[in-house]
Amino acid sequence: EESPVTPEYKDTIAVGEFPIDSFPV
């Protein structure tokens, strides 16, 4: 709610899009 958009970078080279997903440790 405080940061409703992801940051933009002037040196962007790719876009990531998959949900955070970590297997158990």
PDB file of all heavy atoms in Angstrom:
ATOM      1  N   GLU A   1       0.835  -1.205   0.000  1.00  0.00           N
ATOM      2  CA  GLU A   1       0.000   0.000   0.000  1.00  0.00           C
ATOM      3  C   GLU A   1       0.864   1.247   0.000  1.00  0.00           C
ATOM      4  O   GLU A   1       0.522   2.249  -0.633  1.00  0.00           O
ATOM      5  CB  GLU A   1      -0.922  -0.006   1.221  1.00  0.00           C
ATOM      6  CG  GLU A   1      -2.024  -1.062   1.156  1.00  0.00           C
ATOM      7  CD  GLU A   1      -2.969  -0.964   2.340  1.00  0.00           C
ATOM      8  OE1 GLU A   1      -2.792  -0.021   3.160  1.00  0.00           O
ATOM      9  OE2 GLU A   1      -3.870  -1.821   2.449  1.00  0.00           O
ATOM     10  N   GLU A   2       1.992   1.189   0.696  1.00  0.00           N
ATOM     11  CA  GLU A   2       2.888   2.342   0.744  1.00  0.00           C
ATOM     12  C   GLU A   2       3.672   2.502  -0.557  1.00  0.00           C
ATOM     13  O   GLU A   2       4.006   3.616  -0.961  1.00  0.00           O
ATOM     14  CB  GLU A   2       3.874   2.196   1.906  1.00  0.00           C
ATOM     15  CG  GLU A   2       3.233   2.170   3.294  1.00  0.00           C
ATOM     16  CD  GLU A   2       2.619   0.828   3.630  1.00  0.00           C
ATOM     17  OE1 GLU A   2       3.036  -0.188   3.010  1.00  0.00           O
ATOM     18  OE2 GLU A   2       1.710   0.780   4.476  1.00  0.00           O
ATOM     19  N   SER A   3       3.978   1.393  -1.235  1.00  0.00           N
ATOM     20  CA  SER A   3       4.731   1.428  -2.492  1.00  0.00           C
ATOM     21  C   SER A   3       3.968   0.621  -3.537  1.00  0.00           C
ATOM     22  O   SER A   3       4.241  -0.568  -3.758  1.00  0.00           O
ATOM     23  CB  SER A   3       6.132   0.842  -2.292  1.00  0.00           C
ATOM     24  OG  SER A   3       6.849   1.546  -1.299  1.00  0.00           O
ATOM     25  N   PRO A   4       2.991   1.229  -4.201  1.00  0.00           N
ATOM     26  CA  PRO A   4       2.091   0.495  -5.100  1.00  0.00           C
ATOM     27  C   PRO A   4       2.680   0.117  -6.450  1.00  0.00           C
ATOM     28  O   PRO A   4       2.025  -0.578  -7.219  1.00  0.00           O
ATOM     29  CB  PRO A   4       0.927   1.465  -5.271  1.00  0.00           C
ATOM     30  CG  PRO A   4       1.516   2.819  -5.062  1.00  0.00           C
ATOM     31  CD  PRO A   4       2.602   2.651  -4.045  1.00  0.00           C
ATOM     32  N   VAL A   5       3.899   0.581  -6.760  1.00  0.00           N
ATOM     33  CA  VAL A   5       4.547   0.199  -8.018  1.00  0.00           C
ATOM     34  C   VAL A   5       5.984  -0.212  -7.729  1.00  0.00           C
ATOM     35  O   VAL A   5       6.582   0.237  -6.743  1.00  0.00           O
ATOM     36  CB  VAL A   5       4.527   1.355  -9.050  1.00  0.00           C
ATOM     37  CG1 VAL A   5       3.103   1.701  -9.447  1.00  0.00           C
ATOM     38  CG2 VAL A   5       5.247   2.582  -8.518  1.00  0.00           C
ATOM     39  N   THR A   6       6.524  -1.060  -8.577  1.00  0.00           N
ATOM     40  CA  THR A   6       7.918  -1.466  -8.421  1.00  0.00           C
ATOM     41  C   THR A   6       8.829  -0.388  -9.012  1.00  0.00           C
ATOM     42  O   THR A   6       8.424   0.358  -9.908  1.00  0.00           O
ATOM     43  CB  THR A   6       8.182  -2.810  -9.125  1.00  0.00           C
ATOM     44  OG1 THR A   6       7.750  -2.722 -10.487  1.00  0.00           O
ATOM     45  CG2 THR A   6       7.420  -3.938  -8.438  1.00  0.00           C
ATOM     46  N   PRO A   7      10.069  -0.280  -8.527  1.00  0.00           N
ATOM     47  CA  PRO A   7      10.965   0.793  -8.972  1.00  0.00           C
ATOM     48  C   PRO A   7      11.343   0.663 -10.446  1.00  0.00           C
ATOM     49  O   PRO A   7      11.349  -0.434 -11.014  1.00  0.00           O
ATOM     50  CB  PRO A   7      12.206   0.615  -8.076  1.00  0.00           C
ATOM     51  CG  PRO A   7      11.744  -0.208  -6.922  1.00  0.00           C
ATOM     52  CD  PRO A   7      10.660  -1.083  -7.441  1.00  0.00           C
ATOM     53  N   GLU A   8      11.688   1.805 -11.045  1.00  0.00           N
ATOM     54  CA  GLU A   8      12.215   1.823 -12.402  1.00  0.00           C
ATOM     55  C   GLU A   8      13.705   2.155 -12.347  1.00  0.00           C
ATOM     56  O   GLU A   8      14.150   2.912 -11.482  1.00  0.00           O
ATOM     57  CB  GLU A   8      11.474   2.852 -13.253  1.00  0.00           C
ATOM     58  CG  GLU A   8      10.009   2.498 -13.492  1.00  0.00           C
ATOM     59  CD  GLU A   8       9.351   3.425 -14.509  1.00  0.00           C
ATOM     60  OE1 GLU A   8      10.044   4.318 -15.039  1.00  0.00           O
ATOM     61  OE2 GLU A   8       8.148   3.245 -14.783  1.00  0.00           O
ATOM     62  N   TYR A   9      14.463   1.565 -13.273  1.00  0.00           N
ATOM     63  CA  TYR A   9      15.903   1.784 -13.323  1.00  0.00           C
ATOM     64  C   TYR A   9      16.302   2.242 -14.719  1.00  0.00           C
ATOM     65  O   TYR A   9      15.811   1.714 -15.725  1.00  0.00           O
ATOM     66  CB  TYR A   9      16.657   0.498 -12.979  1.00  0.00           C
ATOM     67  CG  TYR A   9      16.512   0.062 -11.540  1.00  0.00           C
ATOM     68  CD1 TYR A   9      15.594  -0.915 -11.179  1.00  0.00           C
ATOM     69  CD2 TYR A   9      17.302   0.640 -10.550  1.00  0.00           C
ATOM     70  CE1 TYR A   9      15.473  -1.314  -9.856  1.00  0.00           C
ATOM     71  CE2 TYR A   9      17.181   0.247  -9.231  1.00  0.00           C
ATOM     72  CZ  TYR A   9      16.263  -0.723  -8.886  1.00  0.00           C
ATOM     73  OH  TYR A   9      16.141  -1.116  -7.580  1.00  0.00           O
ATOM     74  N   LYS A  10      17.221   3.182 -14.773  1.00  0.00           N
ATOM     75  CA  LYS A  10      17.705   3.663 -16.067  1.00  0.00           C
ATOM     76  C   LYS A  10      18.556   2.623 -16.787  1.00  0.00           C
ATOM     77  O   LYS A  10      18.715   2.688 -18.010  1.00  0.00           O
ATOM     78  CB  LYS A  10      18.505   4.956 -15.876  1.00  0.00           C
ATOM     79  CG  LYS A  10      17.655   6.142 -15.419  1.00  0.00           C
ATOM     80  CD  LYS A  10      18.497   7.399 -15.287  1.00  0.00           C
ATOM     81  CE  LYS A  10      17.635   8.582 -14.860  1.00  0.00           C
ATOM     82  NZ  LYS A  10      18.447   9.825 -14.709  1.00  0.00           N
ATOM     83  N   ASP A  11      19.111   1.669 -16.030  1.00  0.00           N
ATOM     84  CA  ASP A  11      19.947   0.642 -16.644  1.00  0.00           C
ATOM     85  C   ASP A  11      19.237  -0.715 -16.693  1.00  0.00           C
ATOM     86  O   ASP A  11      19.878  -1.771 -16.663  1.00  0.00           O
ATOM     87  CB  ASP A  11      21.291   0.518 -15.931  1.00  0.00           C
ATOM     88  CG  ASP A  11      21.159   0.117 -14.466  1.00  0.00           C
ATOM     89  OD1 ASP A  11      20.091   0.366 -13.874  1.00  0.00           O
ATOM     90  OD2 ASP A  11      22.141  -0.436 -13.911  1.00  0.00           O
ATOM     91  N   THR A  12      17.912  -0.701 -16.798  1.00  0.00           N
ATOM     92  CA  THR A  12      17.154  -1.950 -16.876  1.00  0.00           C
ATOM     93  C   THR A  12      17.568  -2.755 -18.103  1.00  0.00           C
ATOM     94  O   THR A  12      17.637  -2.224 -19.217  1.00  0.00           O
ATOM     95  CB  THR A  12      15.646  -1.664 -16.944  1.00  0.00           C
ATOM     96  OG1 THR A  12      15.236  -1.057 -15.720  1.00  0.00           O
ATOM     97  CG2 THR A  12      14.849  -2.945 -17.150  1.00  0.00           C
ATOM     98  N   ILE A  13      17.795  -4.059 -17.902  1.00  0.00           N
ATOM     99  CA  ILE A  13      18.162  -4.941 -19.010  1.00  0.00           C
ATOM    100  C   ILE A  13      17.205  -6.119 -19.148  1.00  0.00           C
ATOM    101  O   ILE A  13      17.291  -6.884 -20.119  1.00  0.00           O
ATOM    102  CB  ILE A  13      19.598  -5.475 -18.861  1.00  0.00           C
ATOM    103  CG1 ILE A  13      19.792  -6.141 -17.486  1.00  0.00           C
ATOM    104  CG2 ILE A  13      20.608  -4.353 -19.081  1.00  0.00           C
ATOM    105  CD1 ILE A  13      21.107  -6.875 -17.341  1.00  0.00           C
ATOM    106  N   ALA A  14      16.297  -6.296 -18.192  1.00  0.00           N
ATOM    107  CA  ALA A  14      15.352  -7.413 -18.244  1.00  0.00           C
ATOM    108  C   ALA A  14      14.207  -7.111 -17.285  1.00  0.00           C
ATOM    109  O   ALA A  14      14.315  -6.238 -16.411  1.00  0.00           O
ATOM    110  CB  ALA A  14      16.026  -8.732 -17.864  1.00  0.00           C
ATOM    111  N   VAL A  15      13.121  -7.846 -17.449  1.00  0.00           N
ATOM    112  CA  VAL A  15      11.979  -7.747 -16.552  1.00  0.00           C
ATOM    113  C   VAL A  15      11.754  -9.107 -15.905  1.00  0.00           C
ATOM    114  O   VAL A  15      11.666 -10.125 -16.597  1.00  0.00           O
ATOM    115  CB  VAL A  15      10.705  -7.298 -17.300  1.00  0.00           C
ATOM    116  CG1 VAL A  15       9.489  -7.336 -16.376  1.00  0.00           C
ATOM    117  CG2 VAL A  15      10.888  -5.893 -17.867  1.00  0.00           C
ATOM    118  N   GLY A  16      11.692  -9.132 -14.574  1.00  0.00           N
ATOM    119  CA  GLY A  16      11.322 -10.336 -13.839  1.00  0.00           C
ATOM    120  C   GLY A  16       9.849 -10.305 -13.537  1.00  0.00           C
ATOM    121  O   GLY A  16       9.255  -9.224 -13.414  1.00  0.00           O
ATOM    122  N   GLU A  17       9.233 -11.506 -13.380  1.00  0.00           N
ATOM    123  CA  GLU A  17       7.779 -11.463 -13.218  1.00  0.00           C
ATOM    124  C   GLU A  17       7.203 -12.608 -12.394  1.00  0.00           C
ATOM    125  O   GLU A  17       6.009 -12.596 -12.114  1.00  0.00           O
ATOM    126  CB  GLU A  17       7.115 -11.452 -14.599  1.00  0.00           C
ATOM    127  CG  GLU A  17       7.541 -12.543 -15.566  1.00  0.00           C
ATOM    128  CD  GLU A  17       6.883 -13.881 -15.304  1.00  0.00           C
ATOM    129  OE1 GLU A  17       5.655 -13.912 -15.105  1.00  0.00           O
ATOM    130  OE2 GLU A  17       7.594 -14.899 -15.283  1.00  0.00           O
ATOM    131  N   PHE A  18       7.999 -13.576 -11.980  1.00  0.00           N
ATOM    132  CA  PHE A  18       7.436 -14.734 -11.291  1.00  0.00           C
ATOM    133  C   PHE A  18       7.279 -14.437  -9.798  1.00  0.00           C
ATOM    134  O   PHE A  18       8.108 -13.750  -9.206  1.00  0.00           O
ATOM    135  CB  PHE A  18       8.320 -15.957 -11.494  1.00  0.00           C
ATOM    136  CG  PHE A  18       7.619 -17.250 -11.232  1.00  0.00           C
ATOM    137  CD1 PHE A  18       6.684 -17.736 -12.120  1.00  0.00           C
ATOM    138  CD2 PHE A  18       7.875 -17.972 -10.082  1.00  0.00           C
ATOM    139  CE1 PHE A  18       6.019 -18.935 -11.885  1.00  0.00           C
ATOM    140  CE2 PHE A  18       7.227 -19.166  -9.828  1.00  0.00           C
ATOM    141  CZ  PHE A  18       6.290 -19.656 -10.731  1.00  0.00           C
ATOM    142  N   PRO A  19       6.229 -14.959  -9.169  1.00  0.00           N
ATOM    143  CA  PRO A  19       6.059 -14.737  -7.726  1.00  0.00           C
ATOM    144  C   PRO A  19       7.247 -15.245  -6.917  1.00  0.00           C
ATOM    145  O   PRO A  19       7.906 -16.216  -7.298  1.00  0.00           O
ATOM    146  CB  PRO A  19       4.799 -15.529  -7.392  1.00  0.00           C
ATOM    147  CG  PRO A  19       4.046 -15.612  -8.668  1.00  0.00           C
ATOM    148  CD  PRO A  19       5.094 -15.699  -9.745  1.00  0.00           C
ATOM    149  N   ILE A  20       7.531 -14.586  -5.804  1.00  0.00           N
ATOM    150  CA  ILE A  20       8.526 -15.088  -4.865  1.00  0.00           C
ATOM    151  C   ILE A  20       8.148 -16.516  -4.487  1.00  0.00           C
ATOM    152  O   ILE A  20       7.015 -16.782  -4.090  1.00  0.00           O
ATOM    153  CB  ILE A  20       8.579 -14.192  -3.605  1.00  0.00           C
ATOM    154  CG1 ILE A  20       9.104 -12.800  -3.967  1.00  0.00           C
ATOM    155  CG2 ILE A  20       9.435 -14.830  -2.527  1.00  0.00           C
ATOM    156  CD1 ILE A  20       8.909 -11.785  -2.860  1.00  0.00           C
ATOM    157  N   ASP A  21       9.083 -17.441  -4.618  1.00  0.00           N
ATOM    158  CA  ASP A  21       8.773 -18.851  -4.432  1.00  0.00           C
ATOM    159  C   ASP A  21      10.043 -19.569  -3.986  1.00  0.00           C
ATOM    160  O   ASP A  21      10.926 -19.833  -4.799  1.00  0.00           O
ATOM    161  CB  ASP A  21       8.244 -19.441  -5.742  1.00  0.00           C
ATOM    162  CG  ASP A  21       7.832 -20.901  -5.596  1.00  0.00           C
ATOM    163  OD1 ASP A  21       7.319 -21.271  -4.539  1.00  0.00           O
ATOM    164  OD2 ASP A  21       8.032 -21.668  -6.565  1.00  0.00           O
ATOM    165  N   SER A  22      10.142 -19.869  -2.699  1.00  0.00           N
ATOM    166  CA  SER A  22      11.313 -20.543  -2.157  1.00  0.00           C
ATOM    167  C   SER A  22      10.908 -21.864  -1.543  1.00  0.00           C
ATOM    168  O   SER A  22       9.941 -21.936  -0.781  1.00  0.00           O
ATOM    169  CB  SER A  22      11.981 -19.673  -1.088  1.00  0.00           C
ATOM    170  OG  SER A  22      13.034 -20.386  -0.458  1.00  0.00           O
ATOM    171  N   PHE A  23      11.641 -22.910  -1.863  1.00  0.00           N
ATOM    172  CA  PHE A  23      11.393 -24.202  -1.234  1.00  0.00           C
ATOM    173  C   PHE A  23      11.834 -24.161   0.235  1.00  0.00           C
ATOM    174  O   PHE A  23      12.630 -23.303   0.632  1.00  0.00           O
ATOM    175  CB  PHE A  23      12.138 -25.294  -1.999  1.00  0.00           C
ATOM    176  CG  PHE A  23      11.290 -25.970  -3.046  1.00  0.00           C
ATOM    177  CD1 PHE A  23      10.406 -25.236  -3.825  1.00  0.00           C
ATOM    178  CD2 PHE A  23      11.368 -27.338  -3.261  1.00  0.00           C
ATOM    179  CE1 PHE A  23       9.618 -25.847  -4.791  1.00  0.00           C
ATOM    180  CE2 PHE A  23      10.593 -27.965  -4.222  1.00  0.00           C
ATOM    181  CZ  PHE A  23       9.716 -27.218  -4.986  1.00  0.00           C
ATOM    182  N   PRO A  24      11.335 -25.085   1.050  1.00  0.00           N
ATOM    183  CA  PRO A  24      11.730 -25.124   2.465  1.00  0.00           C
ATOM    184  C   PRO A  24      13.238 -25.265   2.619  1.00  0.00           C
ATOM    185  O   PRO A  24      13.911 -25.818   1.745  1.00  0.00           O
ATOM    186  CB  PRO A  24      11.011 -26.363   3.004  1.00  0.00           C
ATOM    187  CG  PRO A  24       9.898 -26.623   2.055  1.00  0.00           C
ATOM    188  CD  PRO A  24      10.393 -26.175   0.710  1.00  0.00           C
ATOM    189  N   VAL A  25      13.738 -24.785   3.740  1.00  0.00           N
ATOM    190  CA  VAL A  25      15.163 -24.950   4.014  1.00  0.00           C
ATOM    191  C   VAL A  25      15.419 -25.995   5.103  1.00  0.00           C
ATOM    192  O   VAL A  25      16.545 -26.461   5.247  1.00  0.00           O
ATOM    193  CB  VAL A  25      15.830 -23.617   4.418  1.00  0.00           C
ATOM    194  CG1 VAL A  25      15.574 -22.538   3.385  1.00  0.00           C
ATOM    195  CG2 VAL A  25      15.372 -23.147   5.786  1.00  0.00           C
TER     196      VAL A  25
END
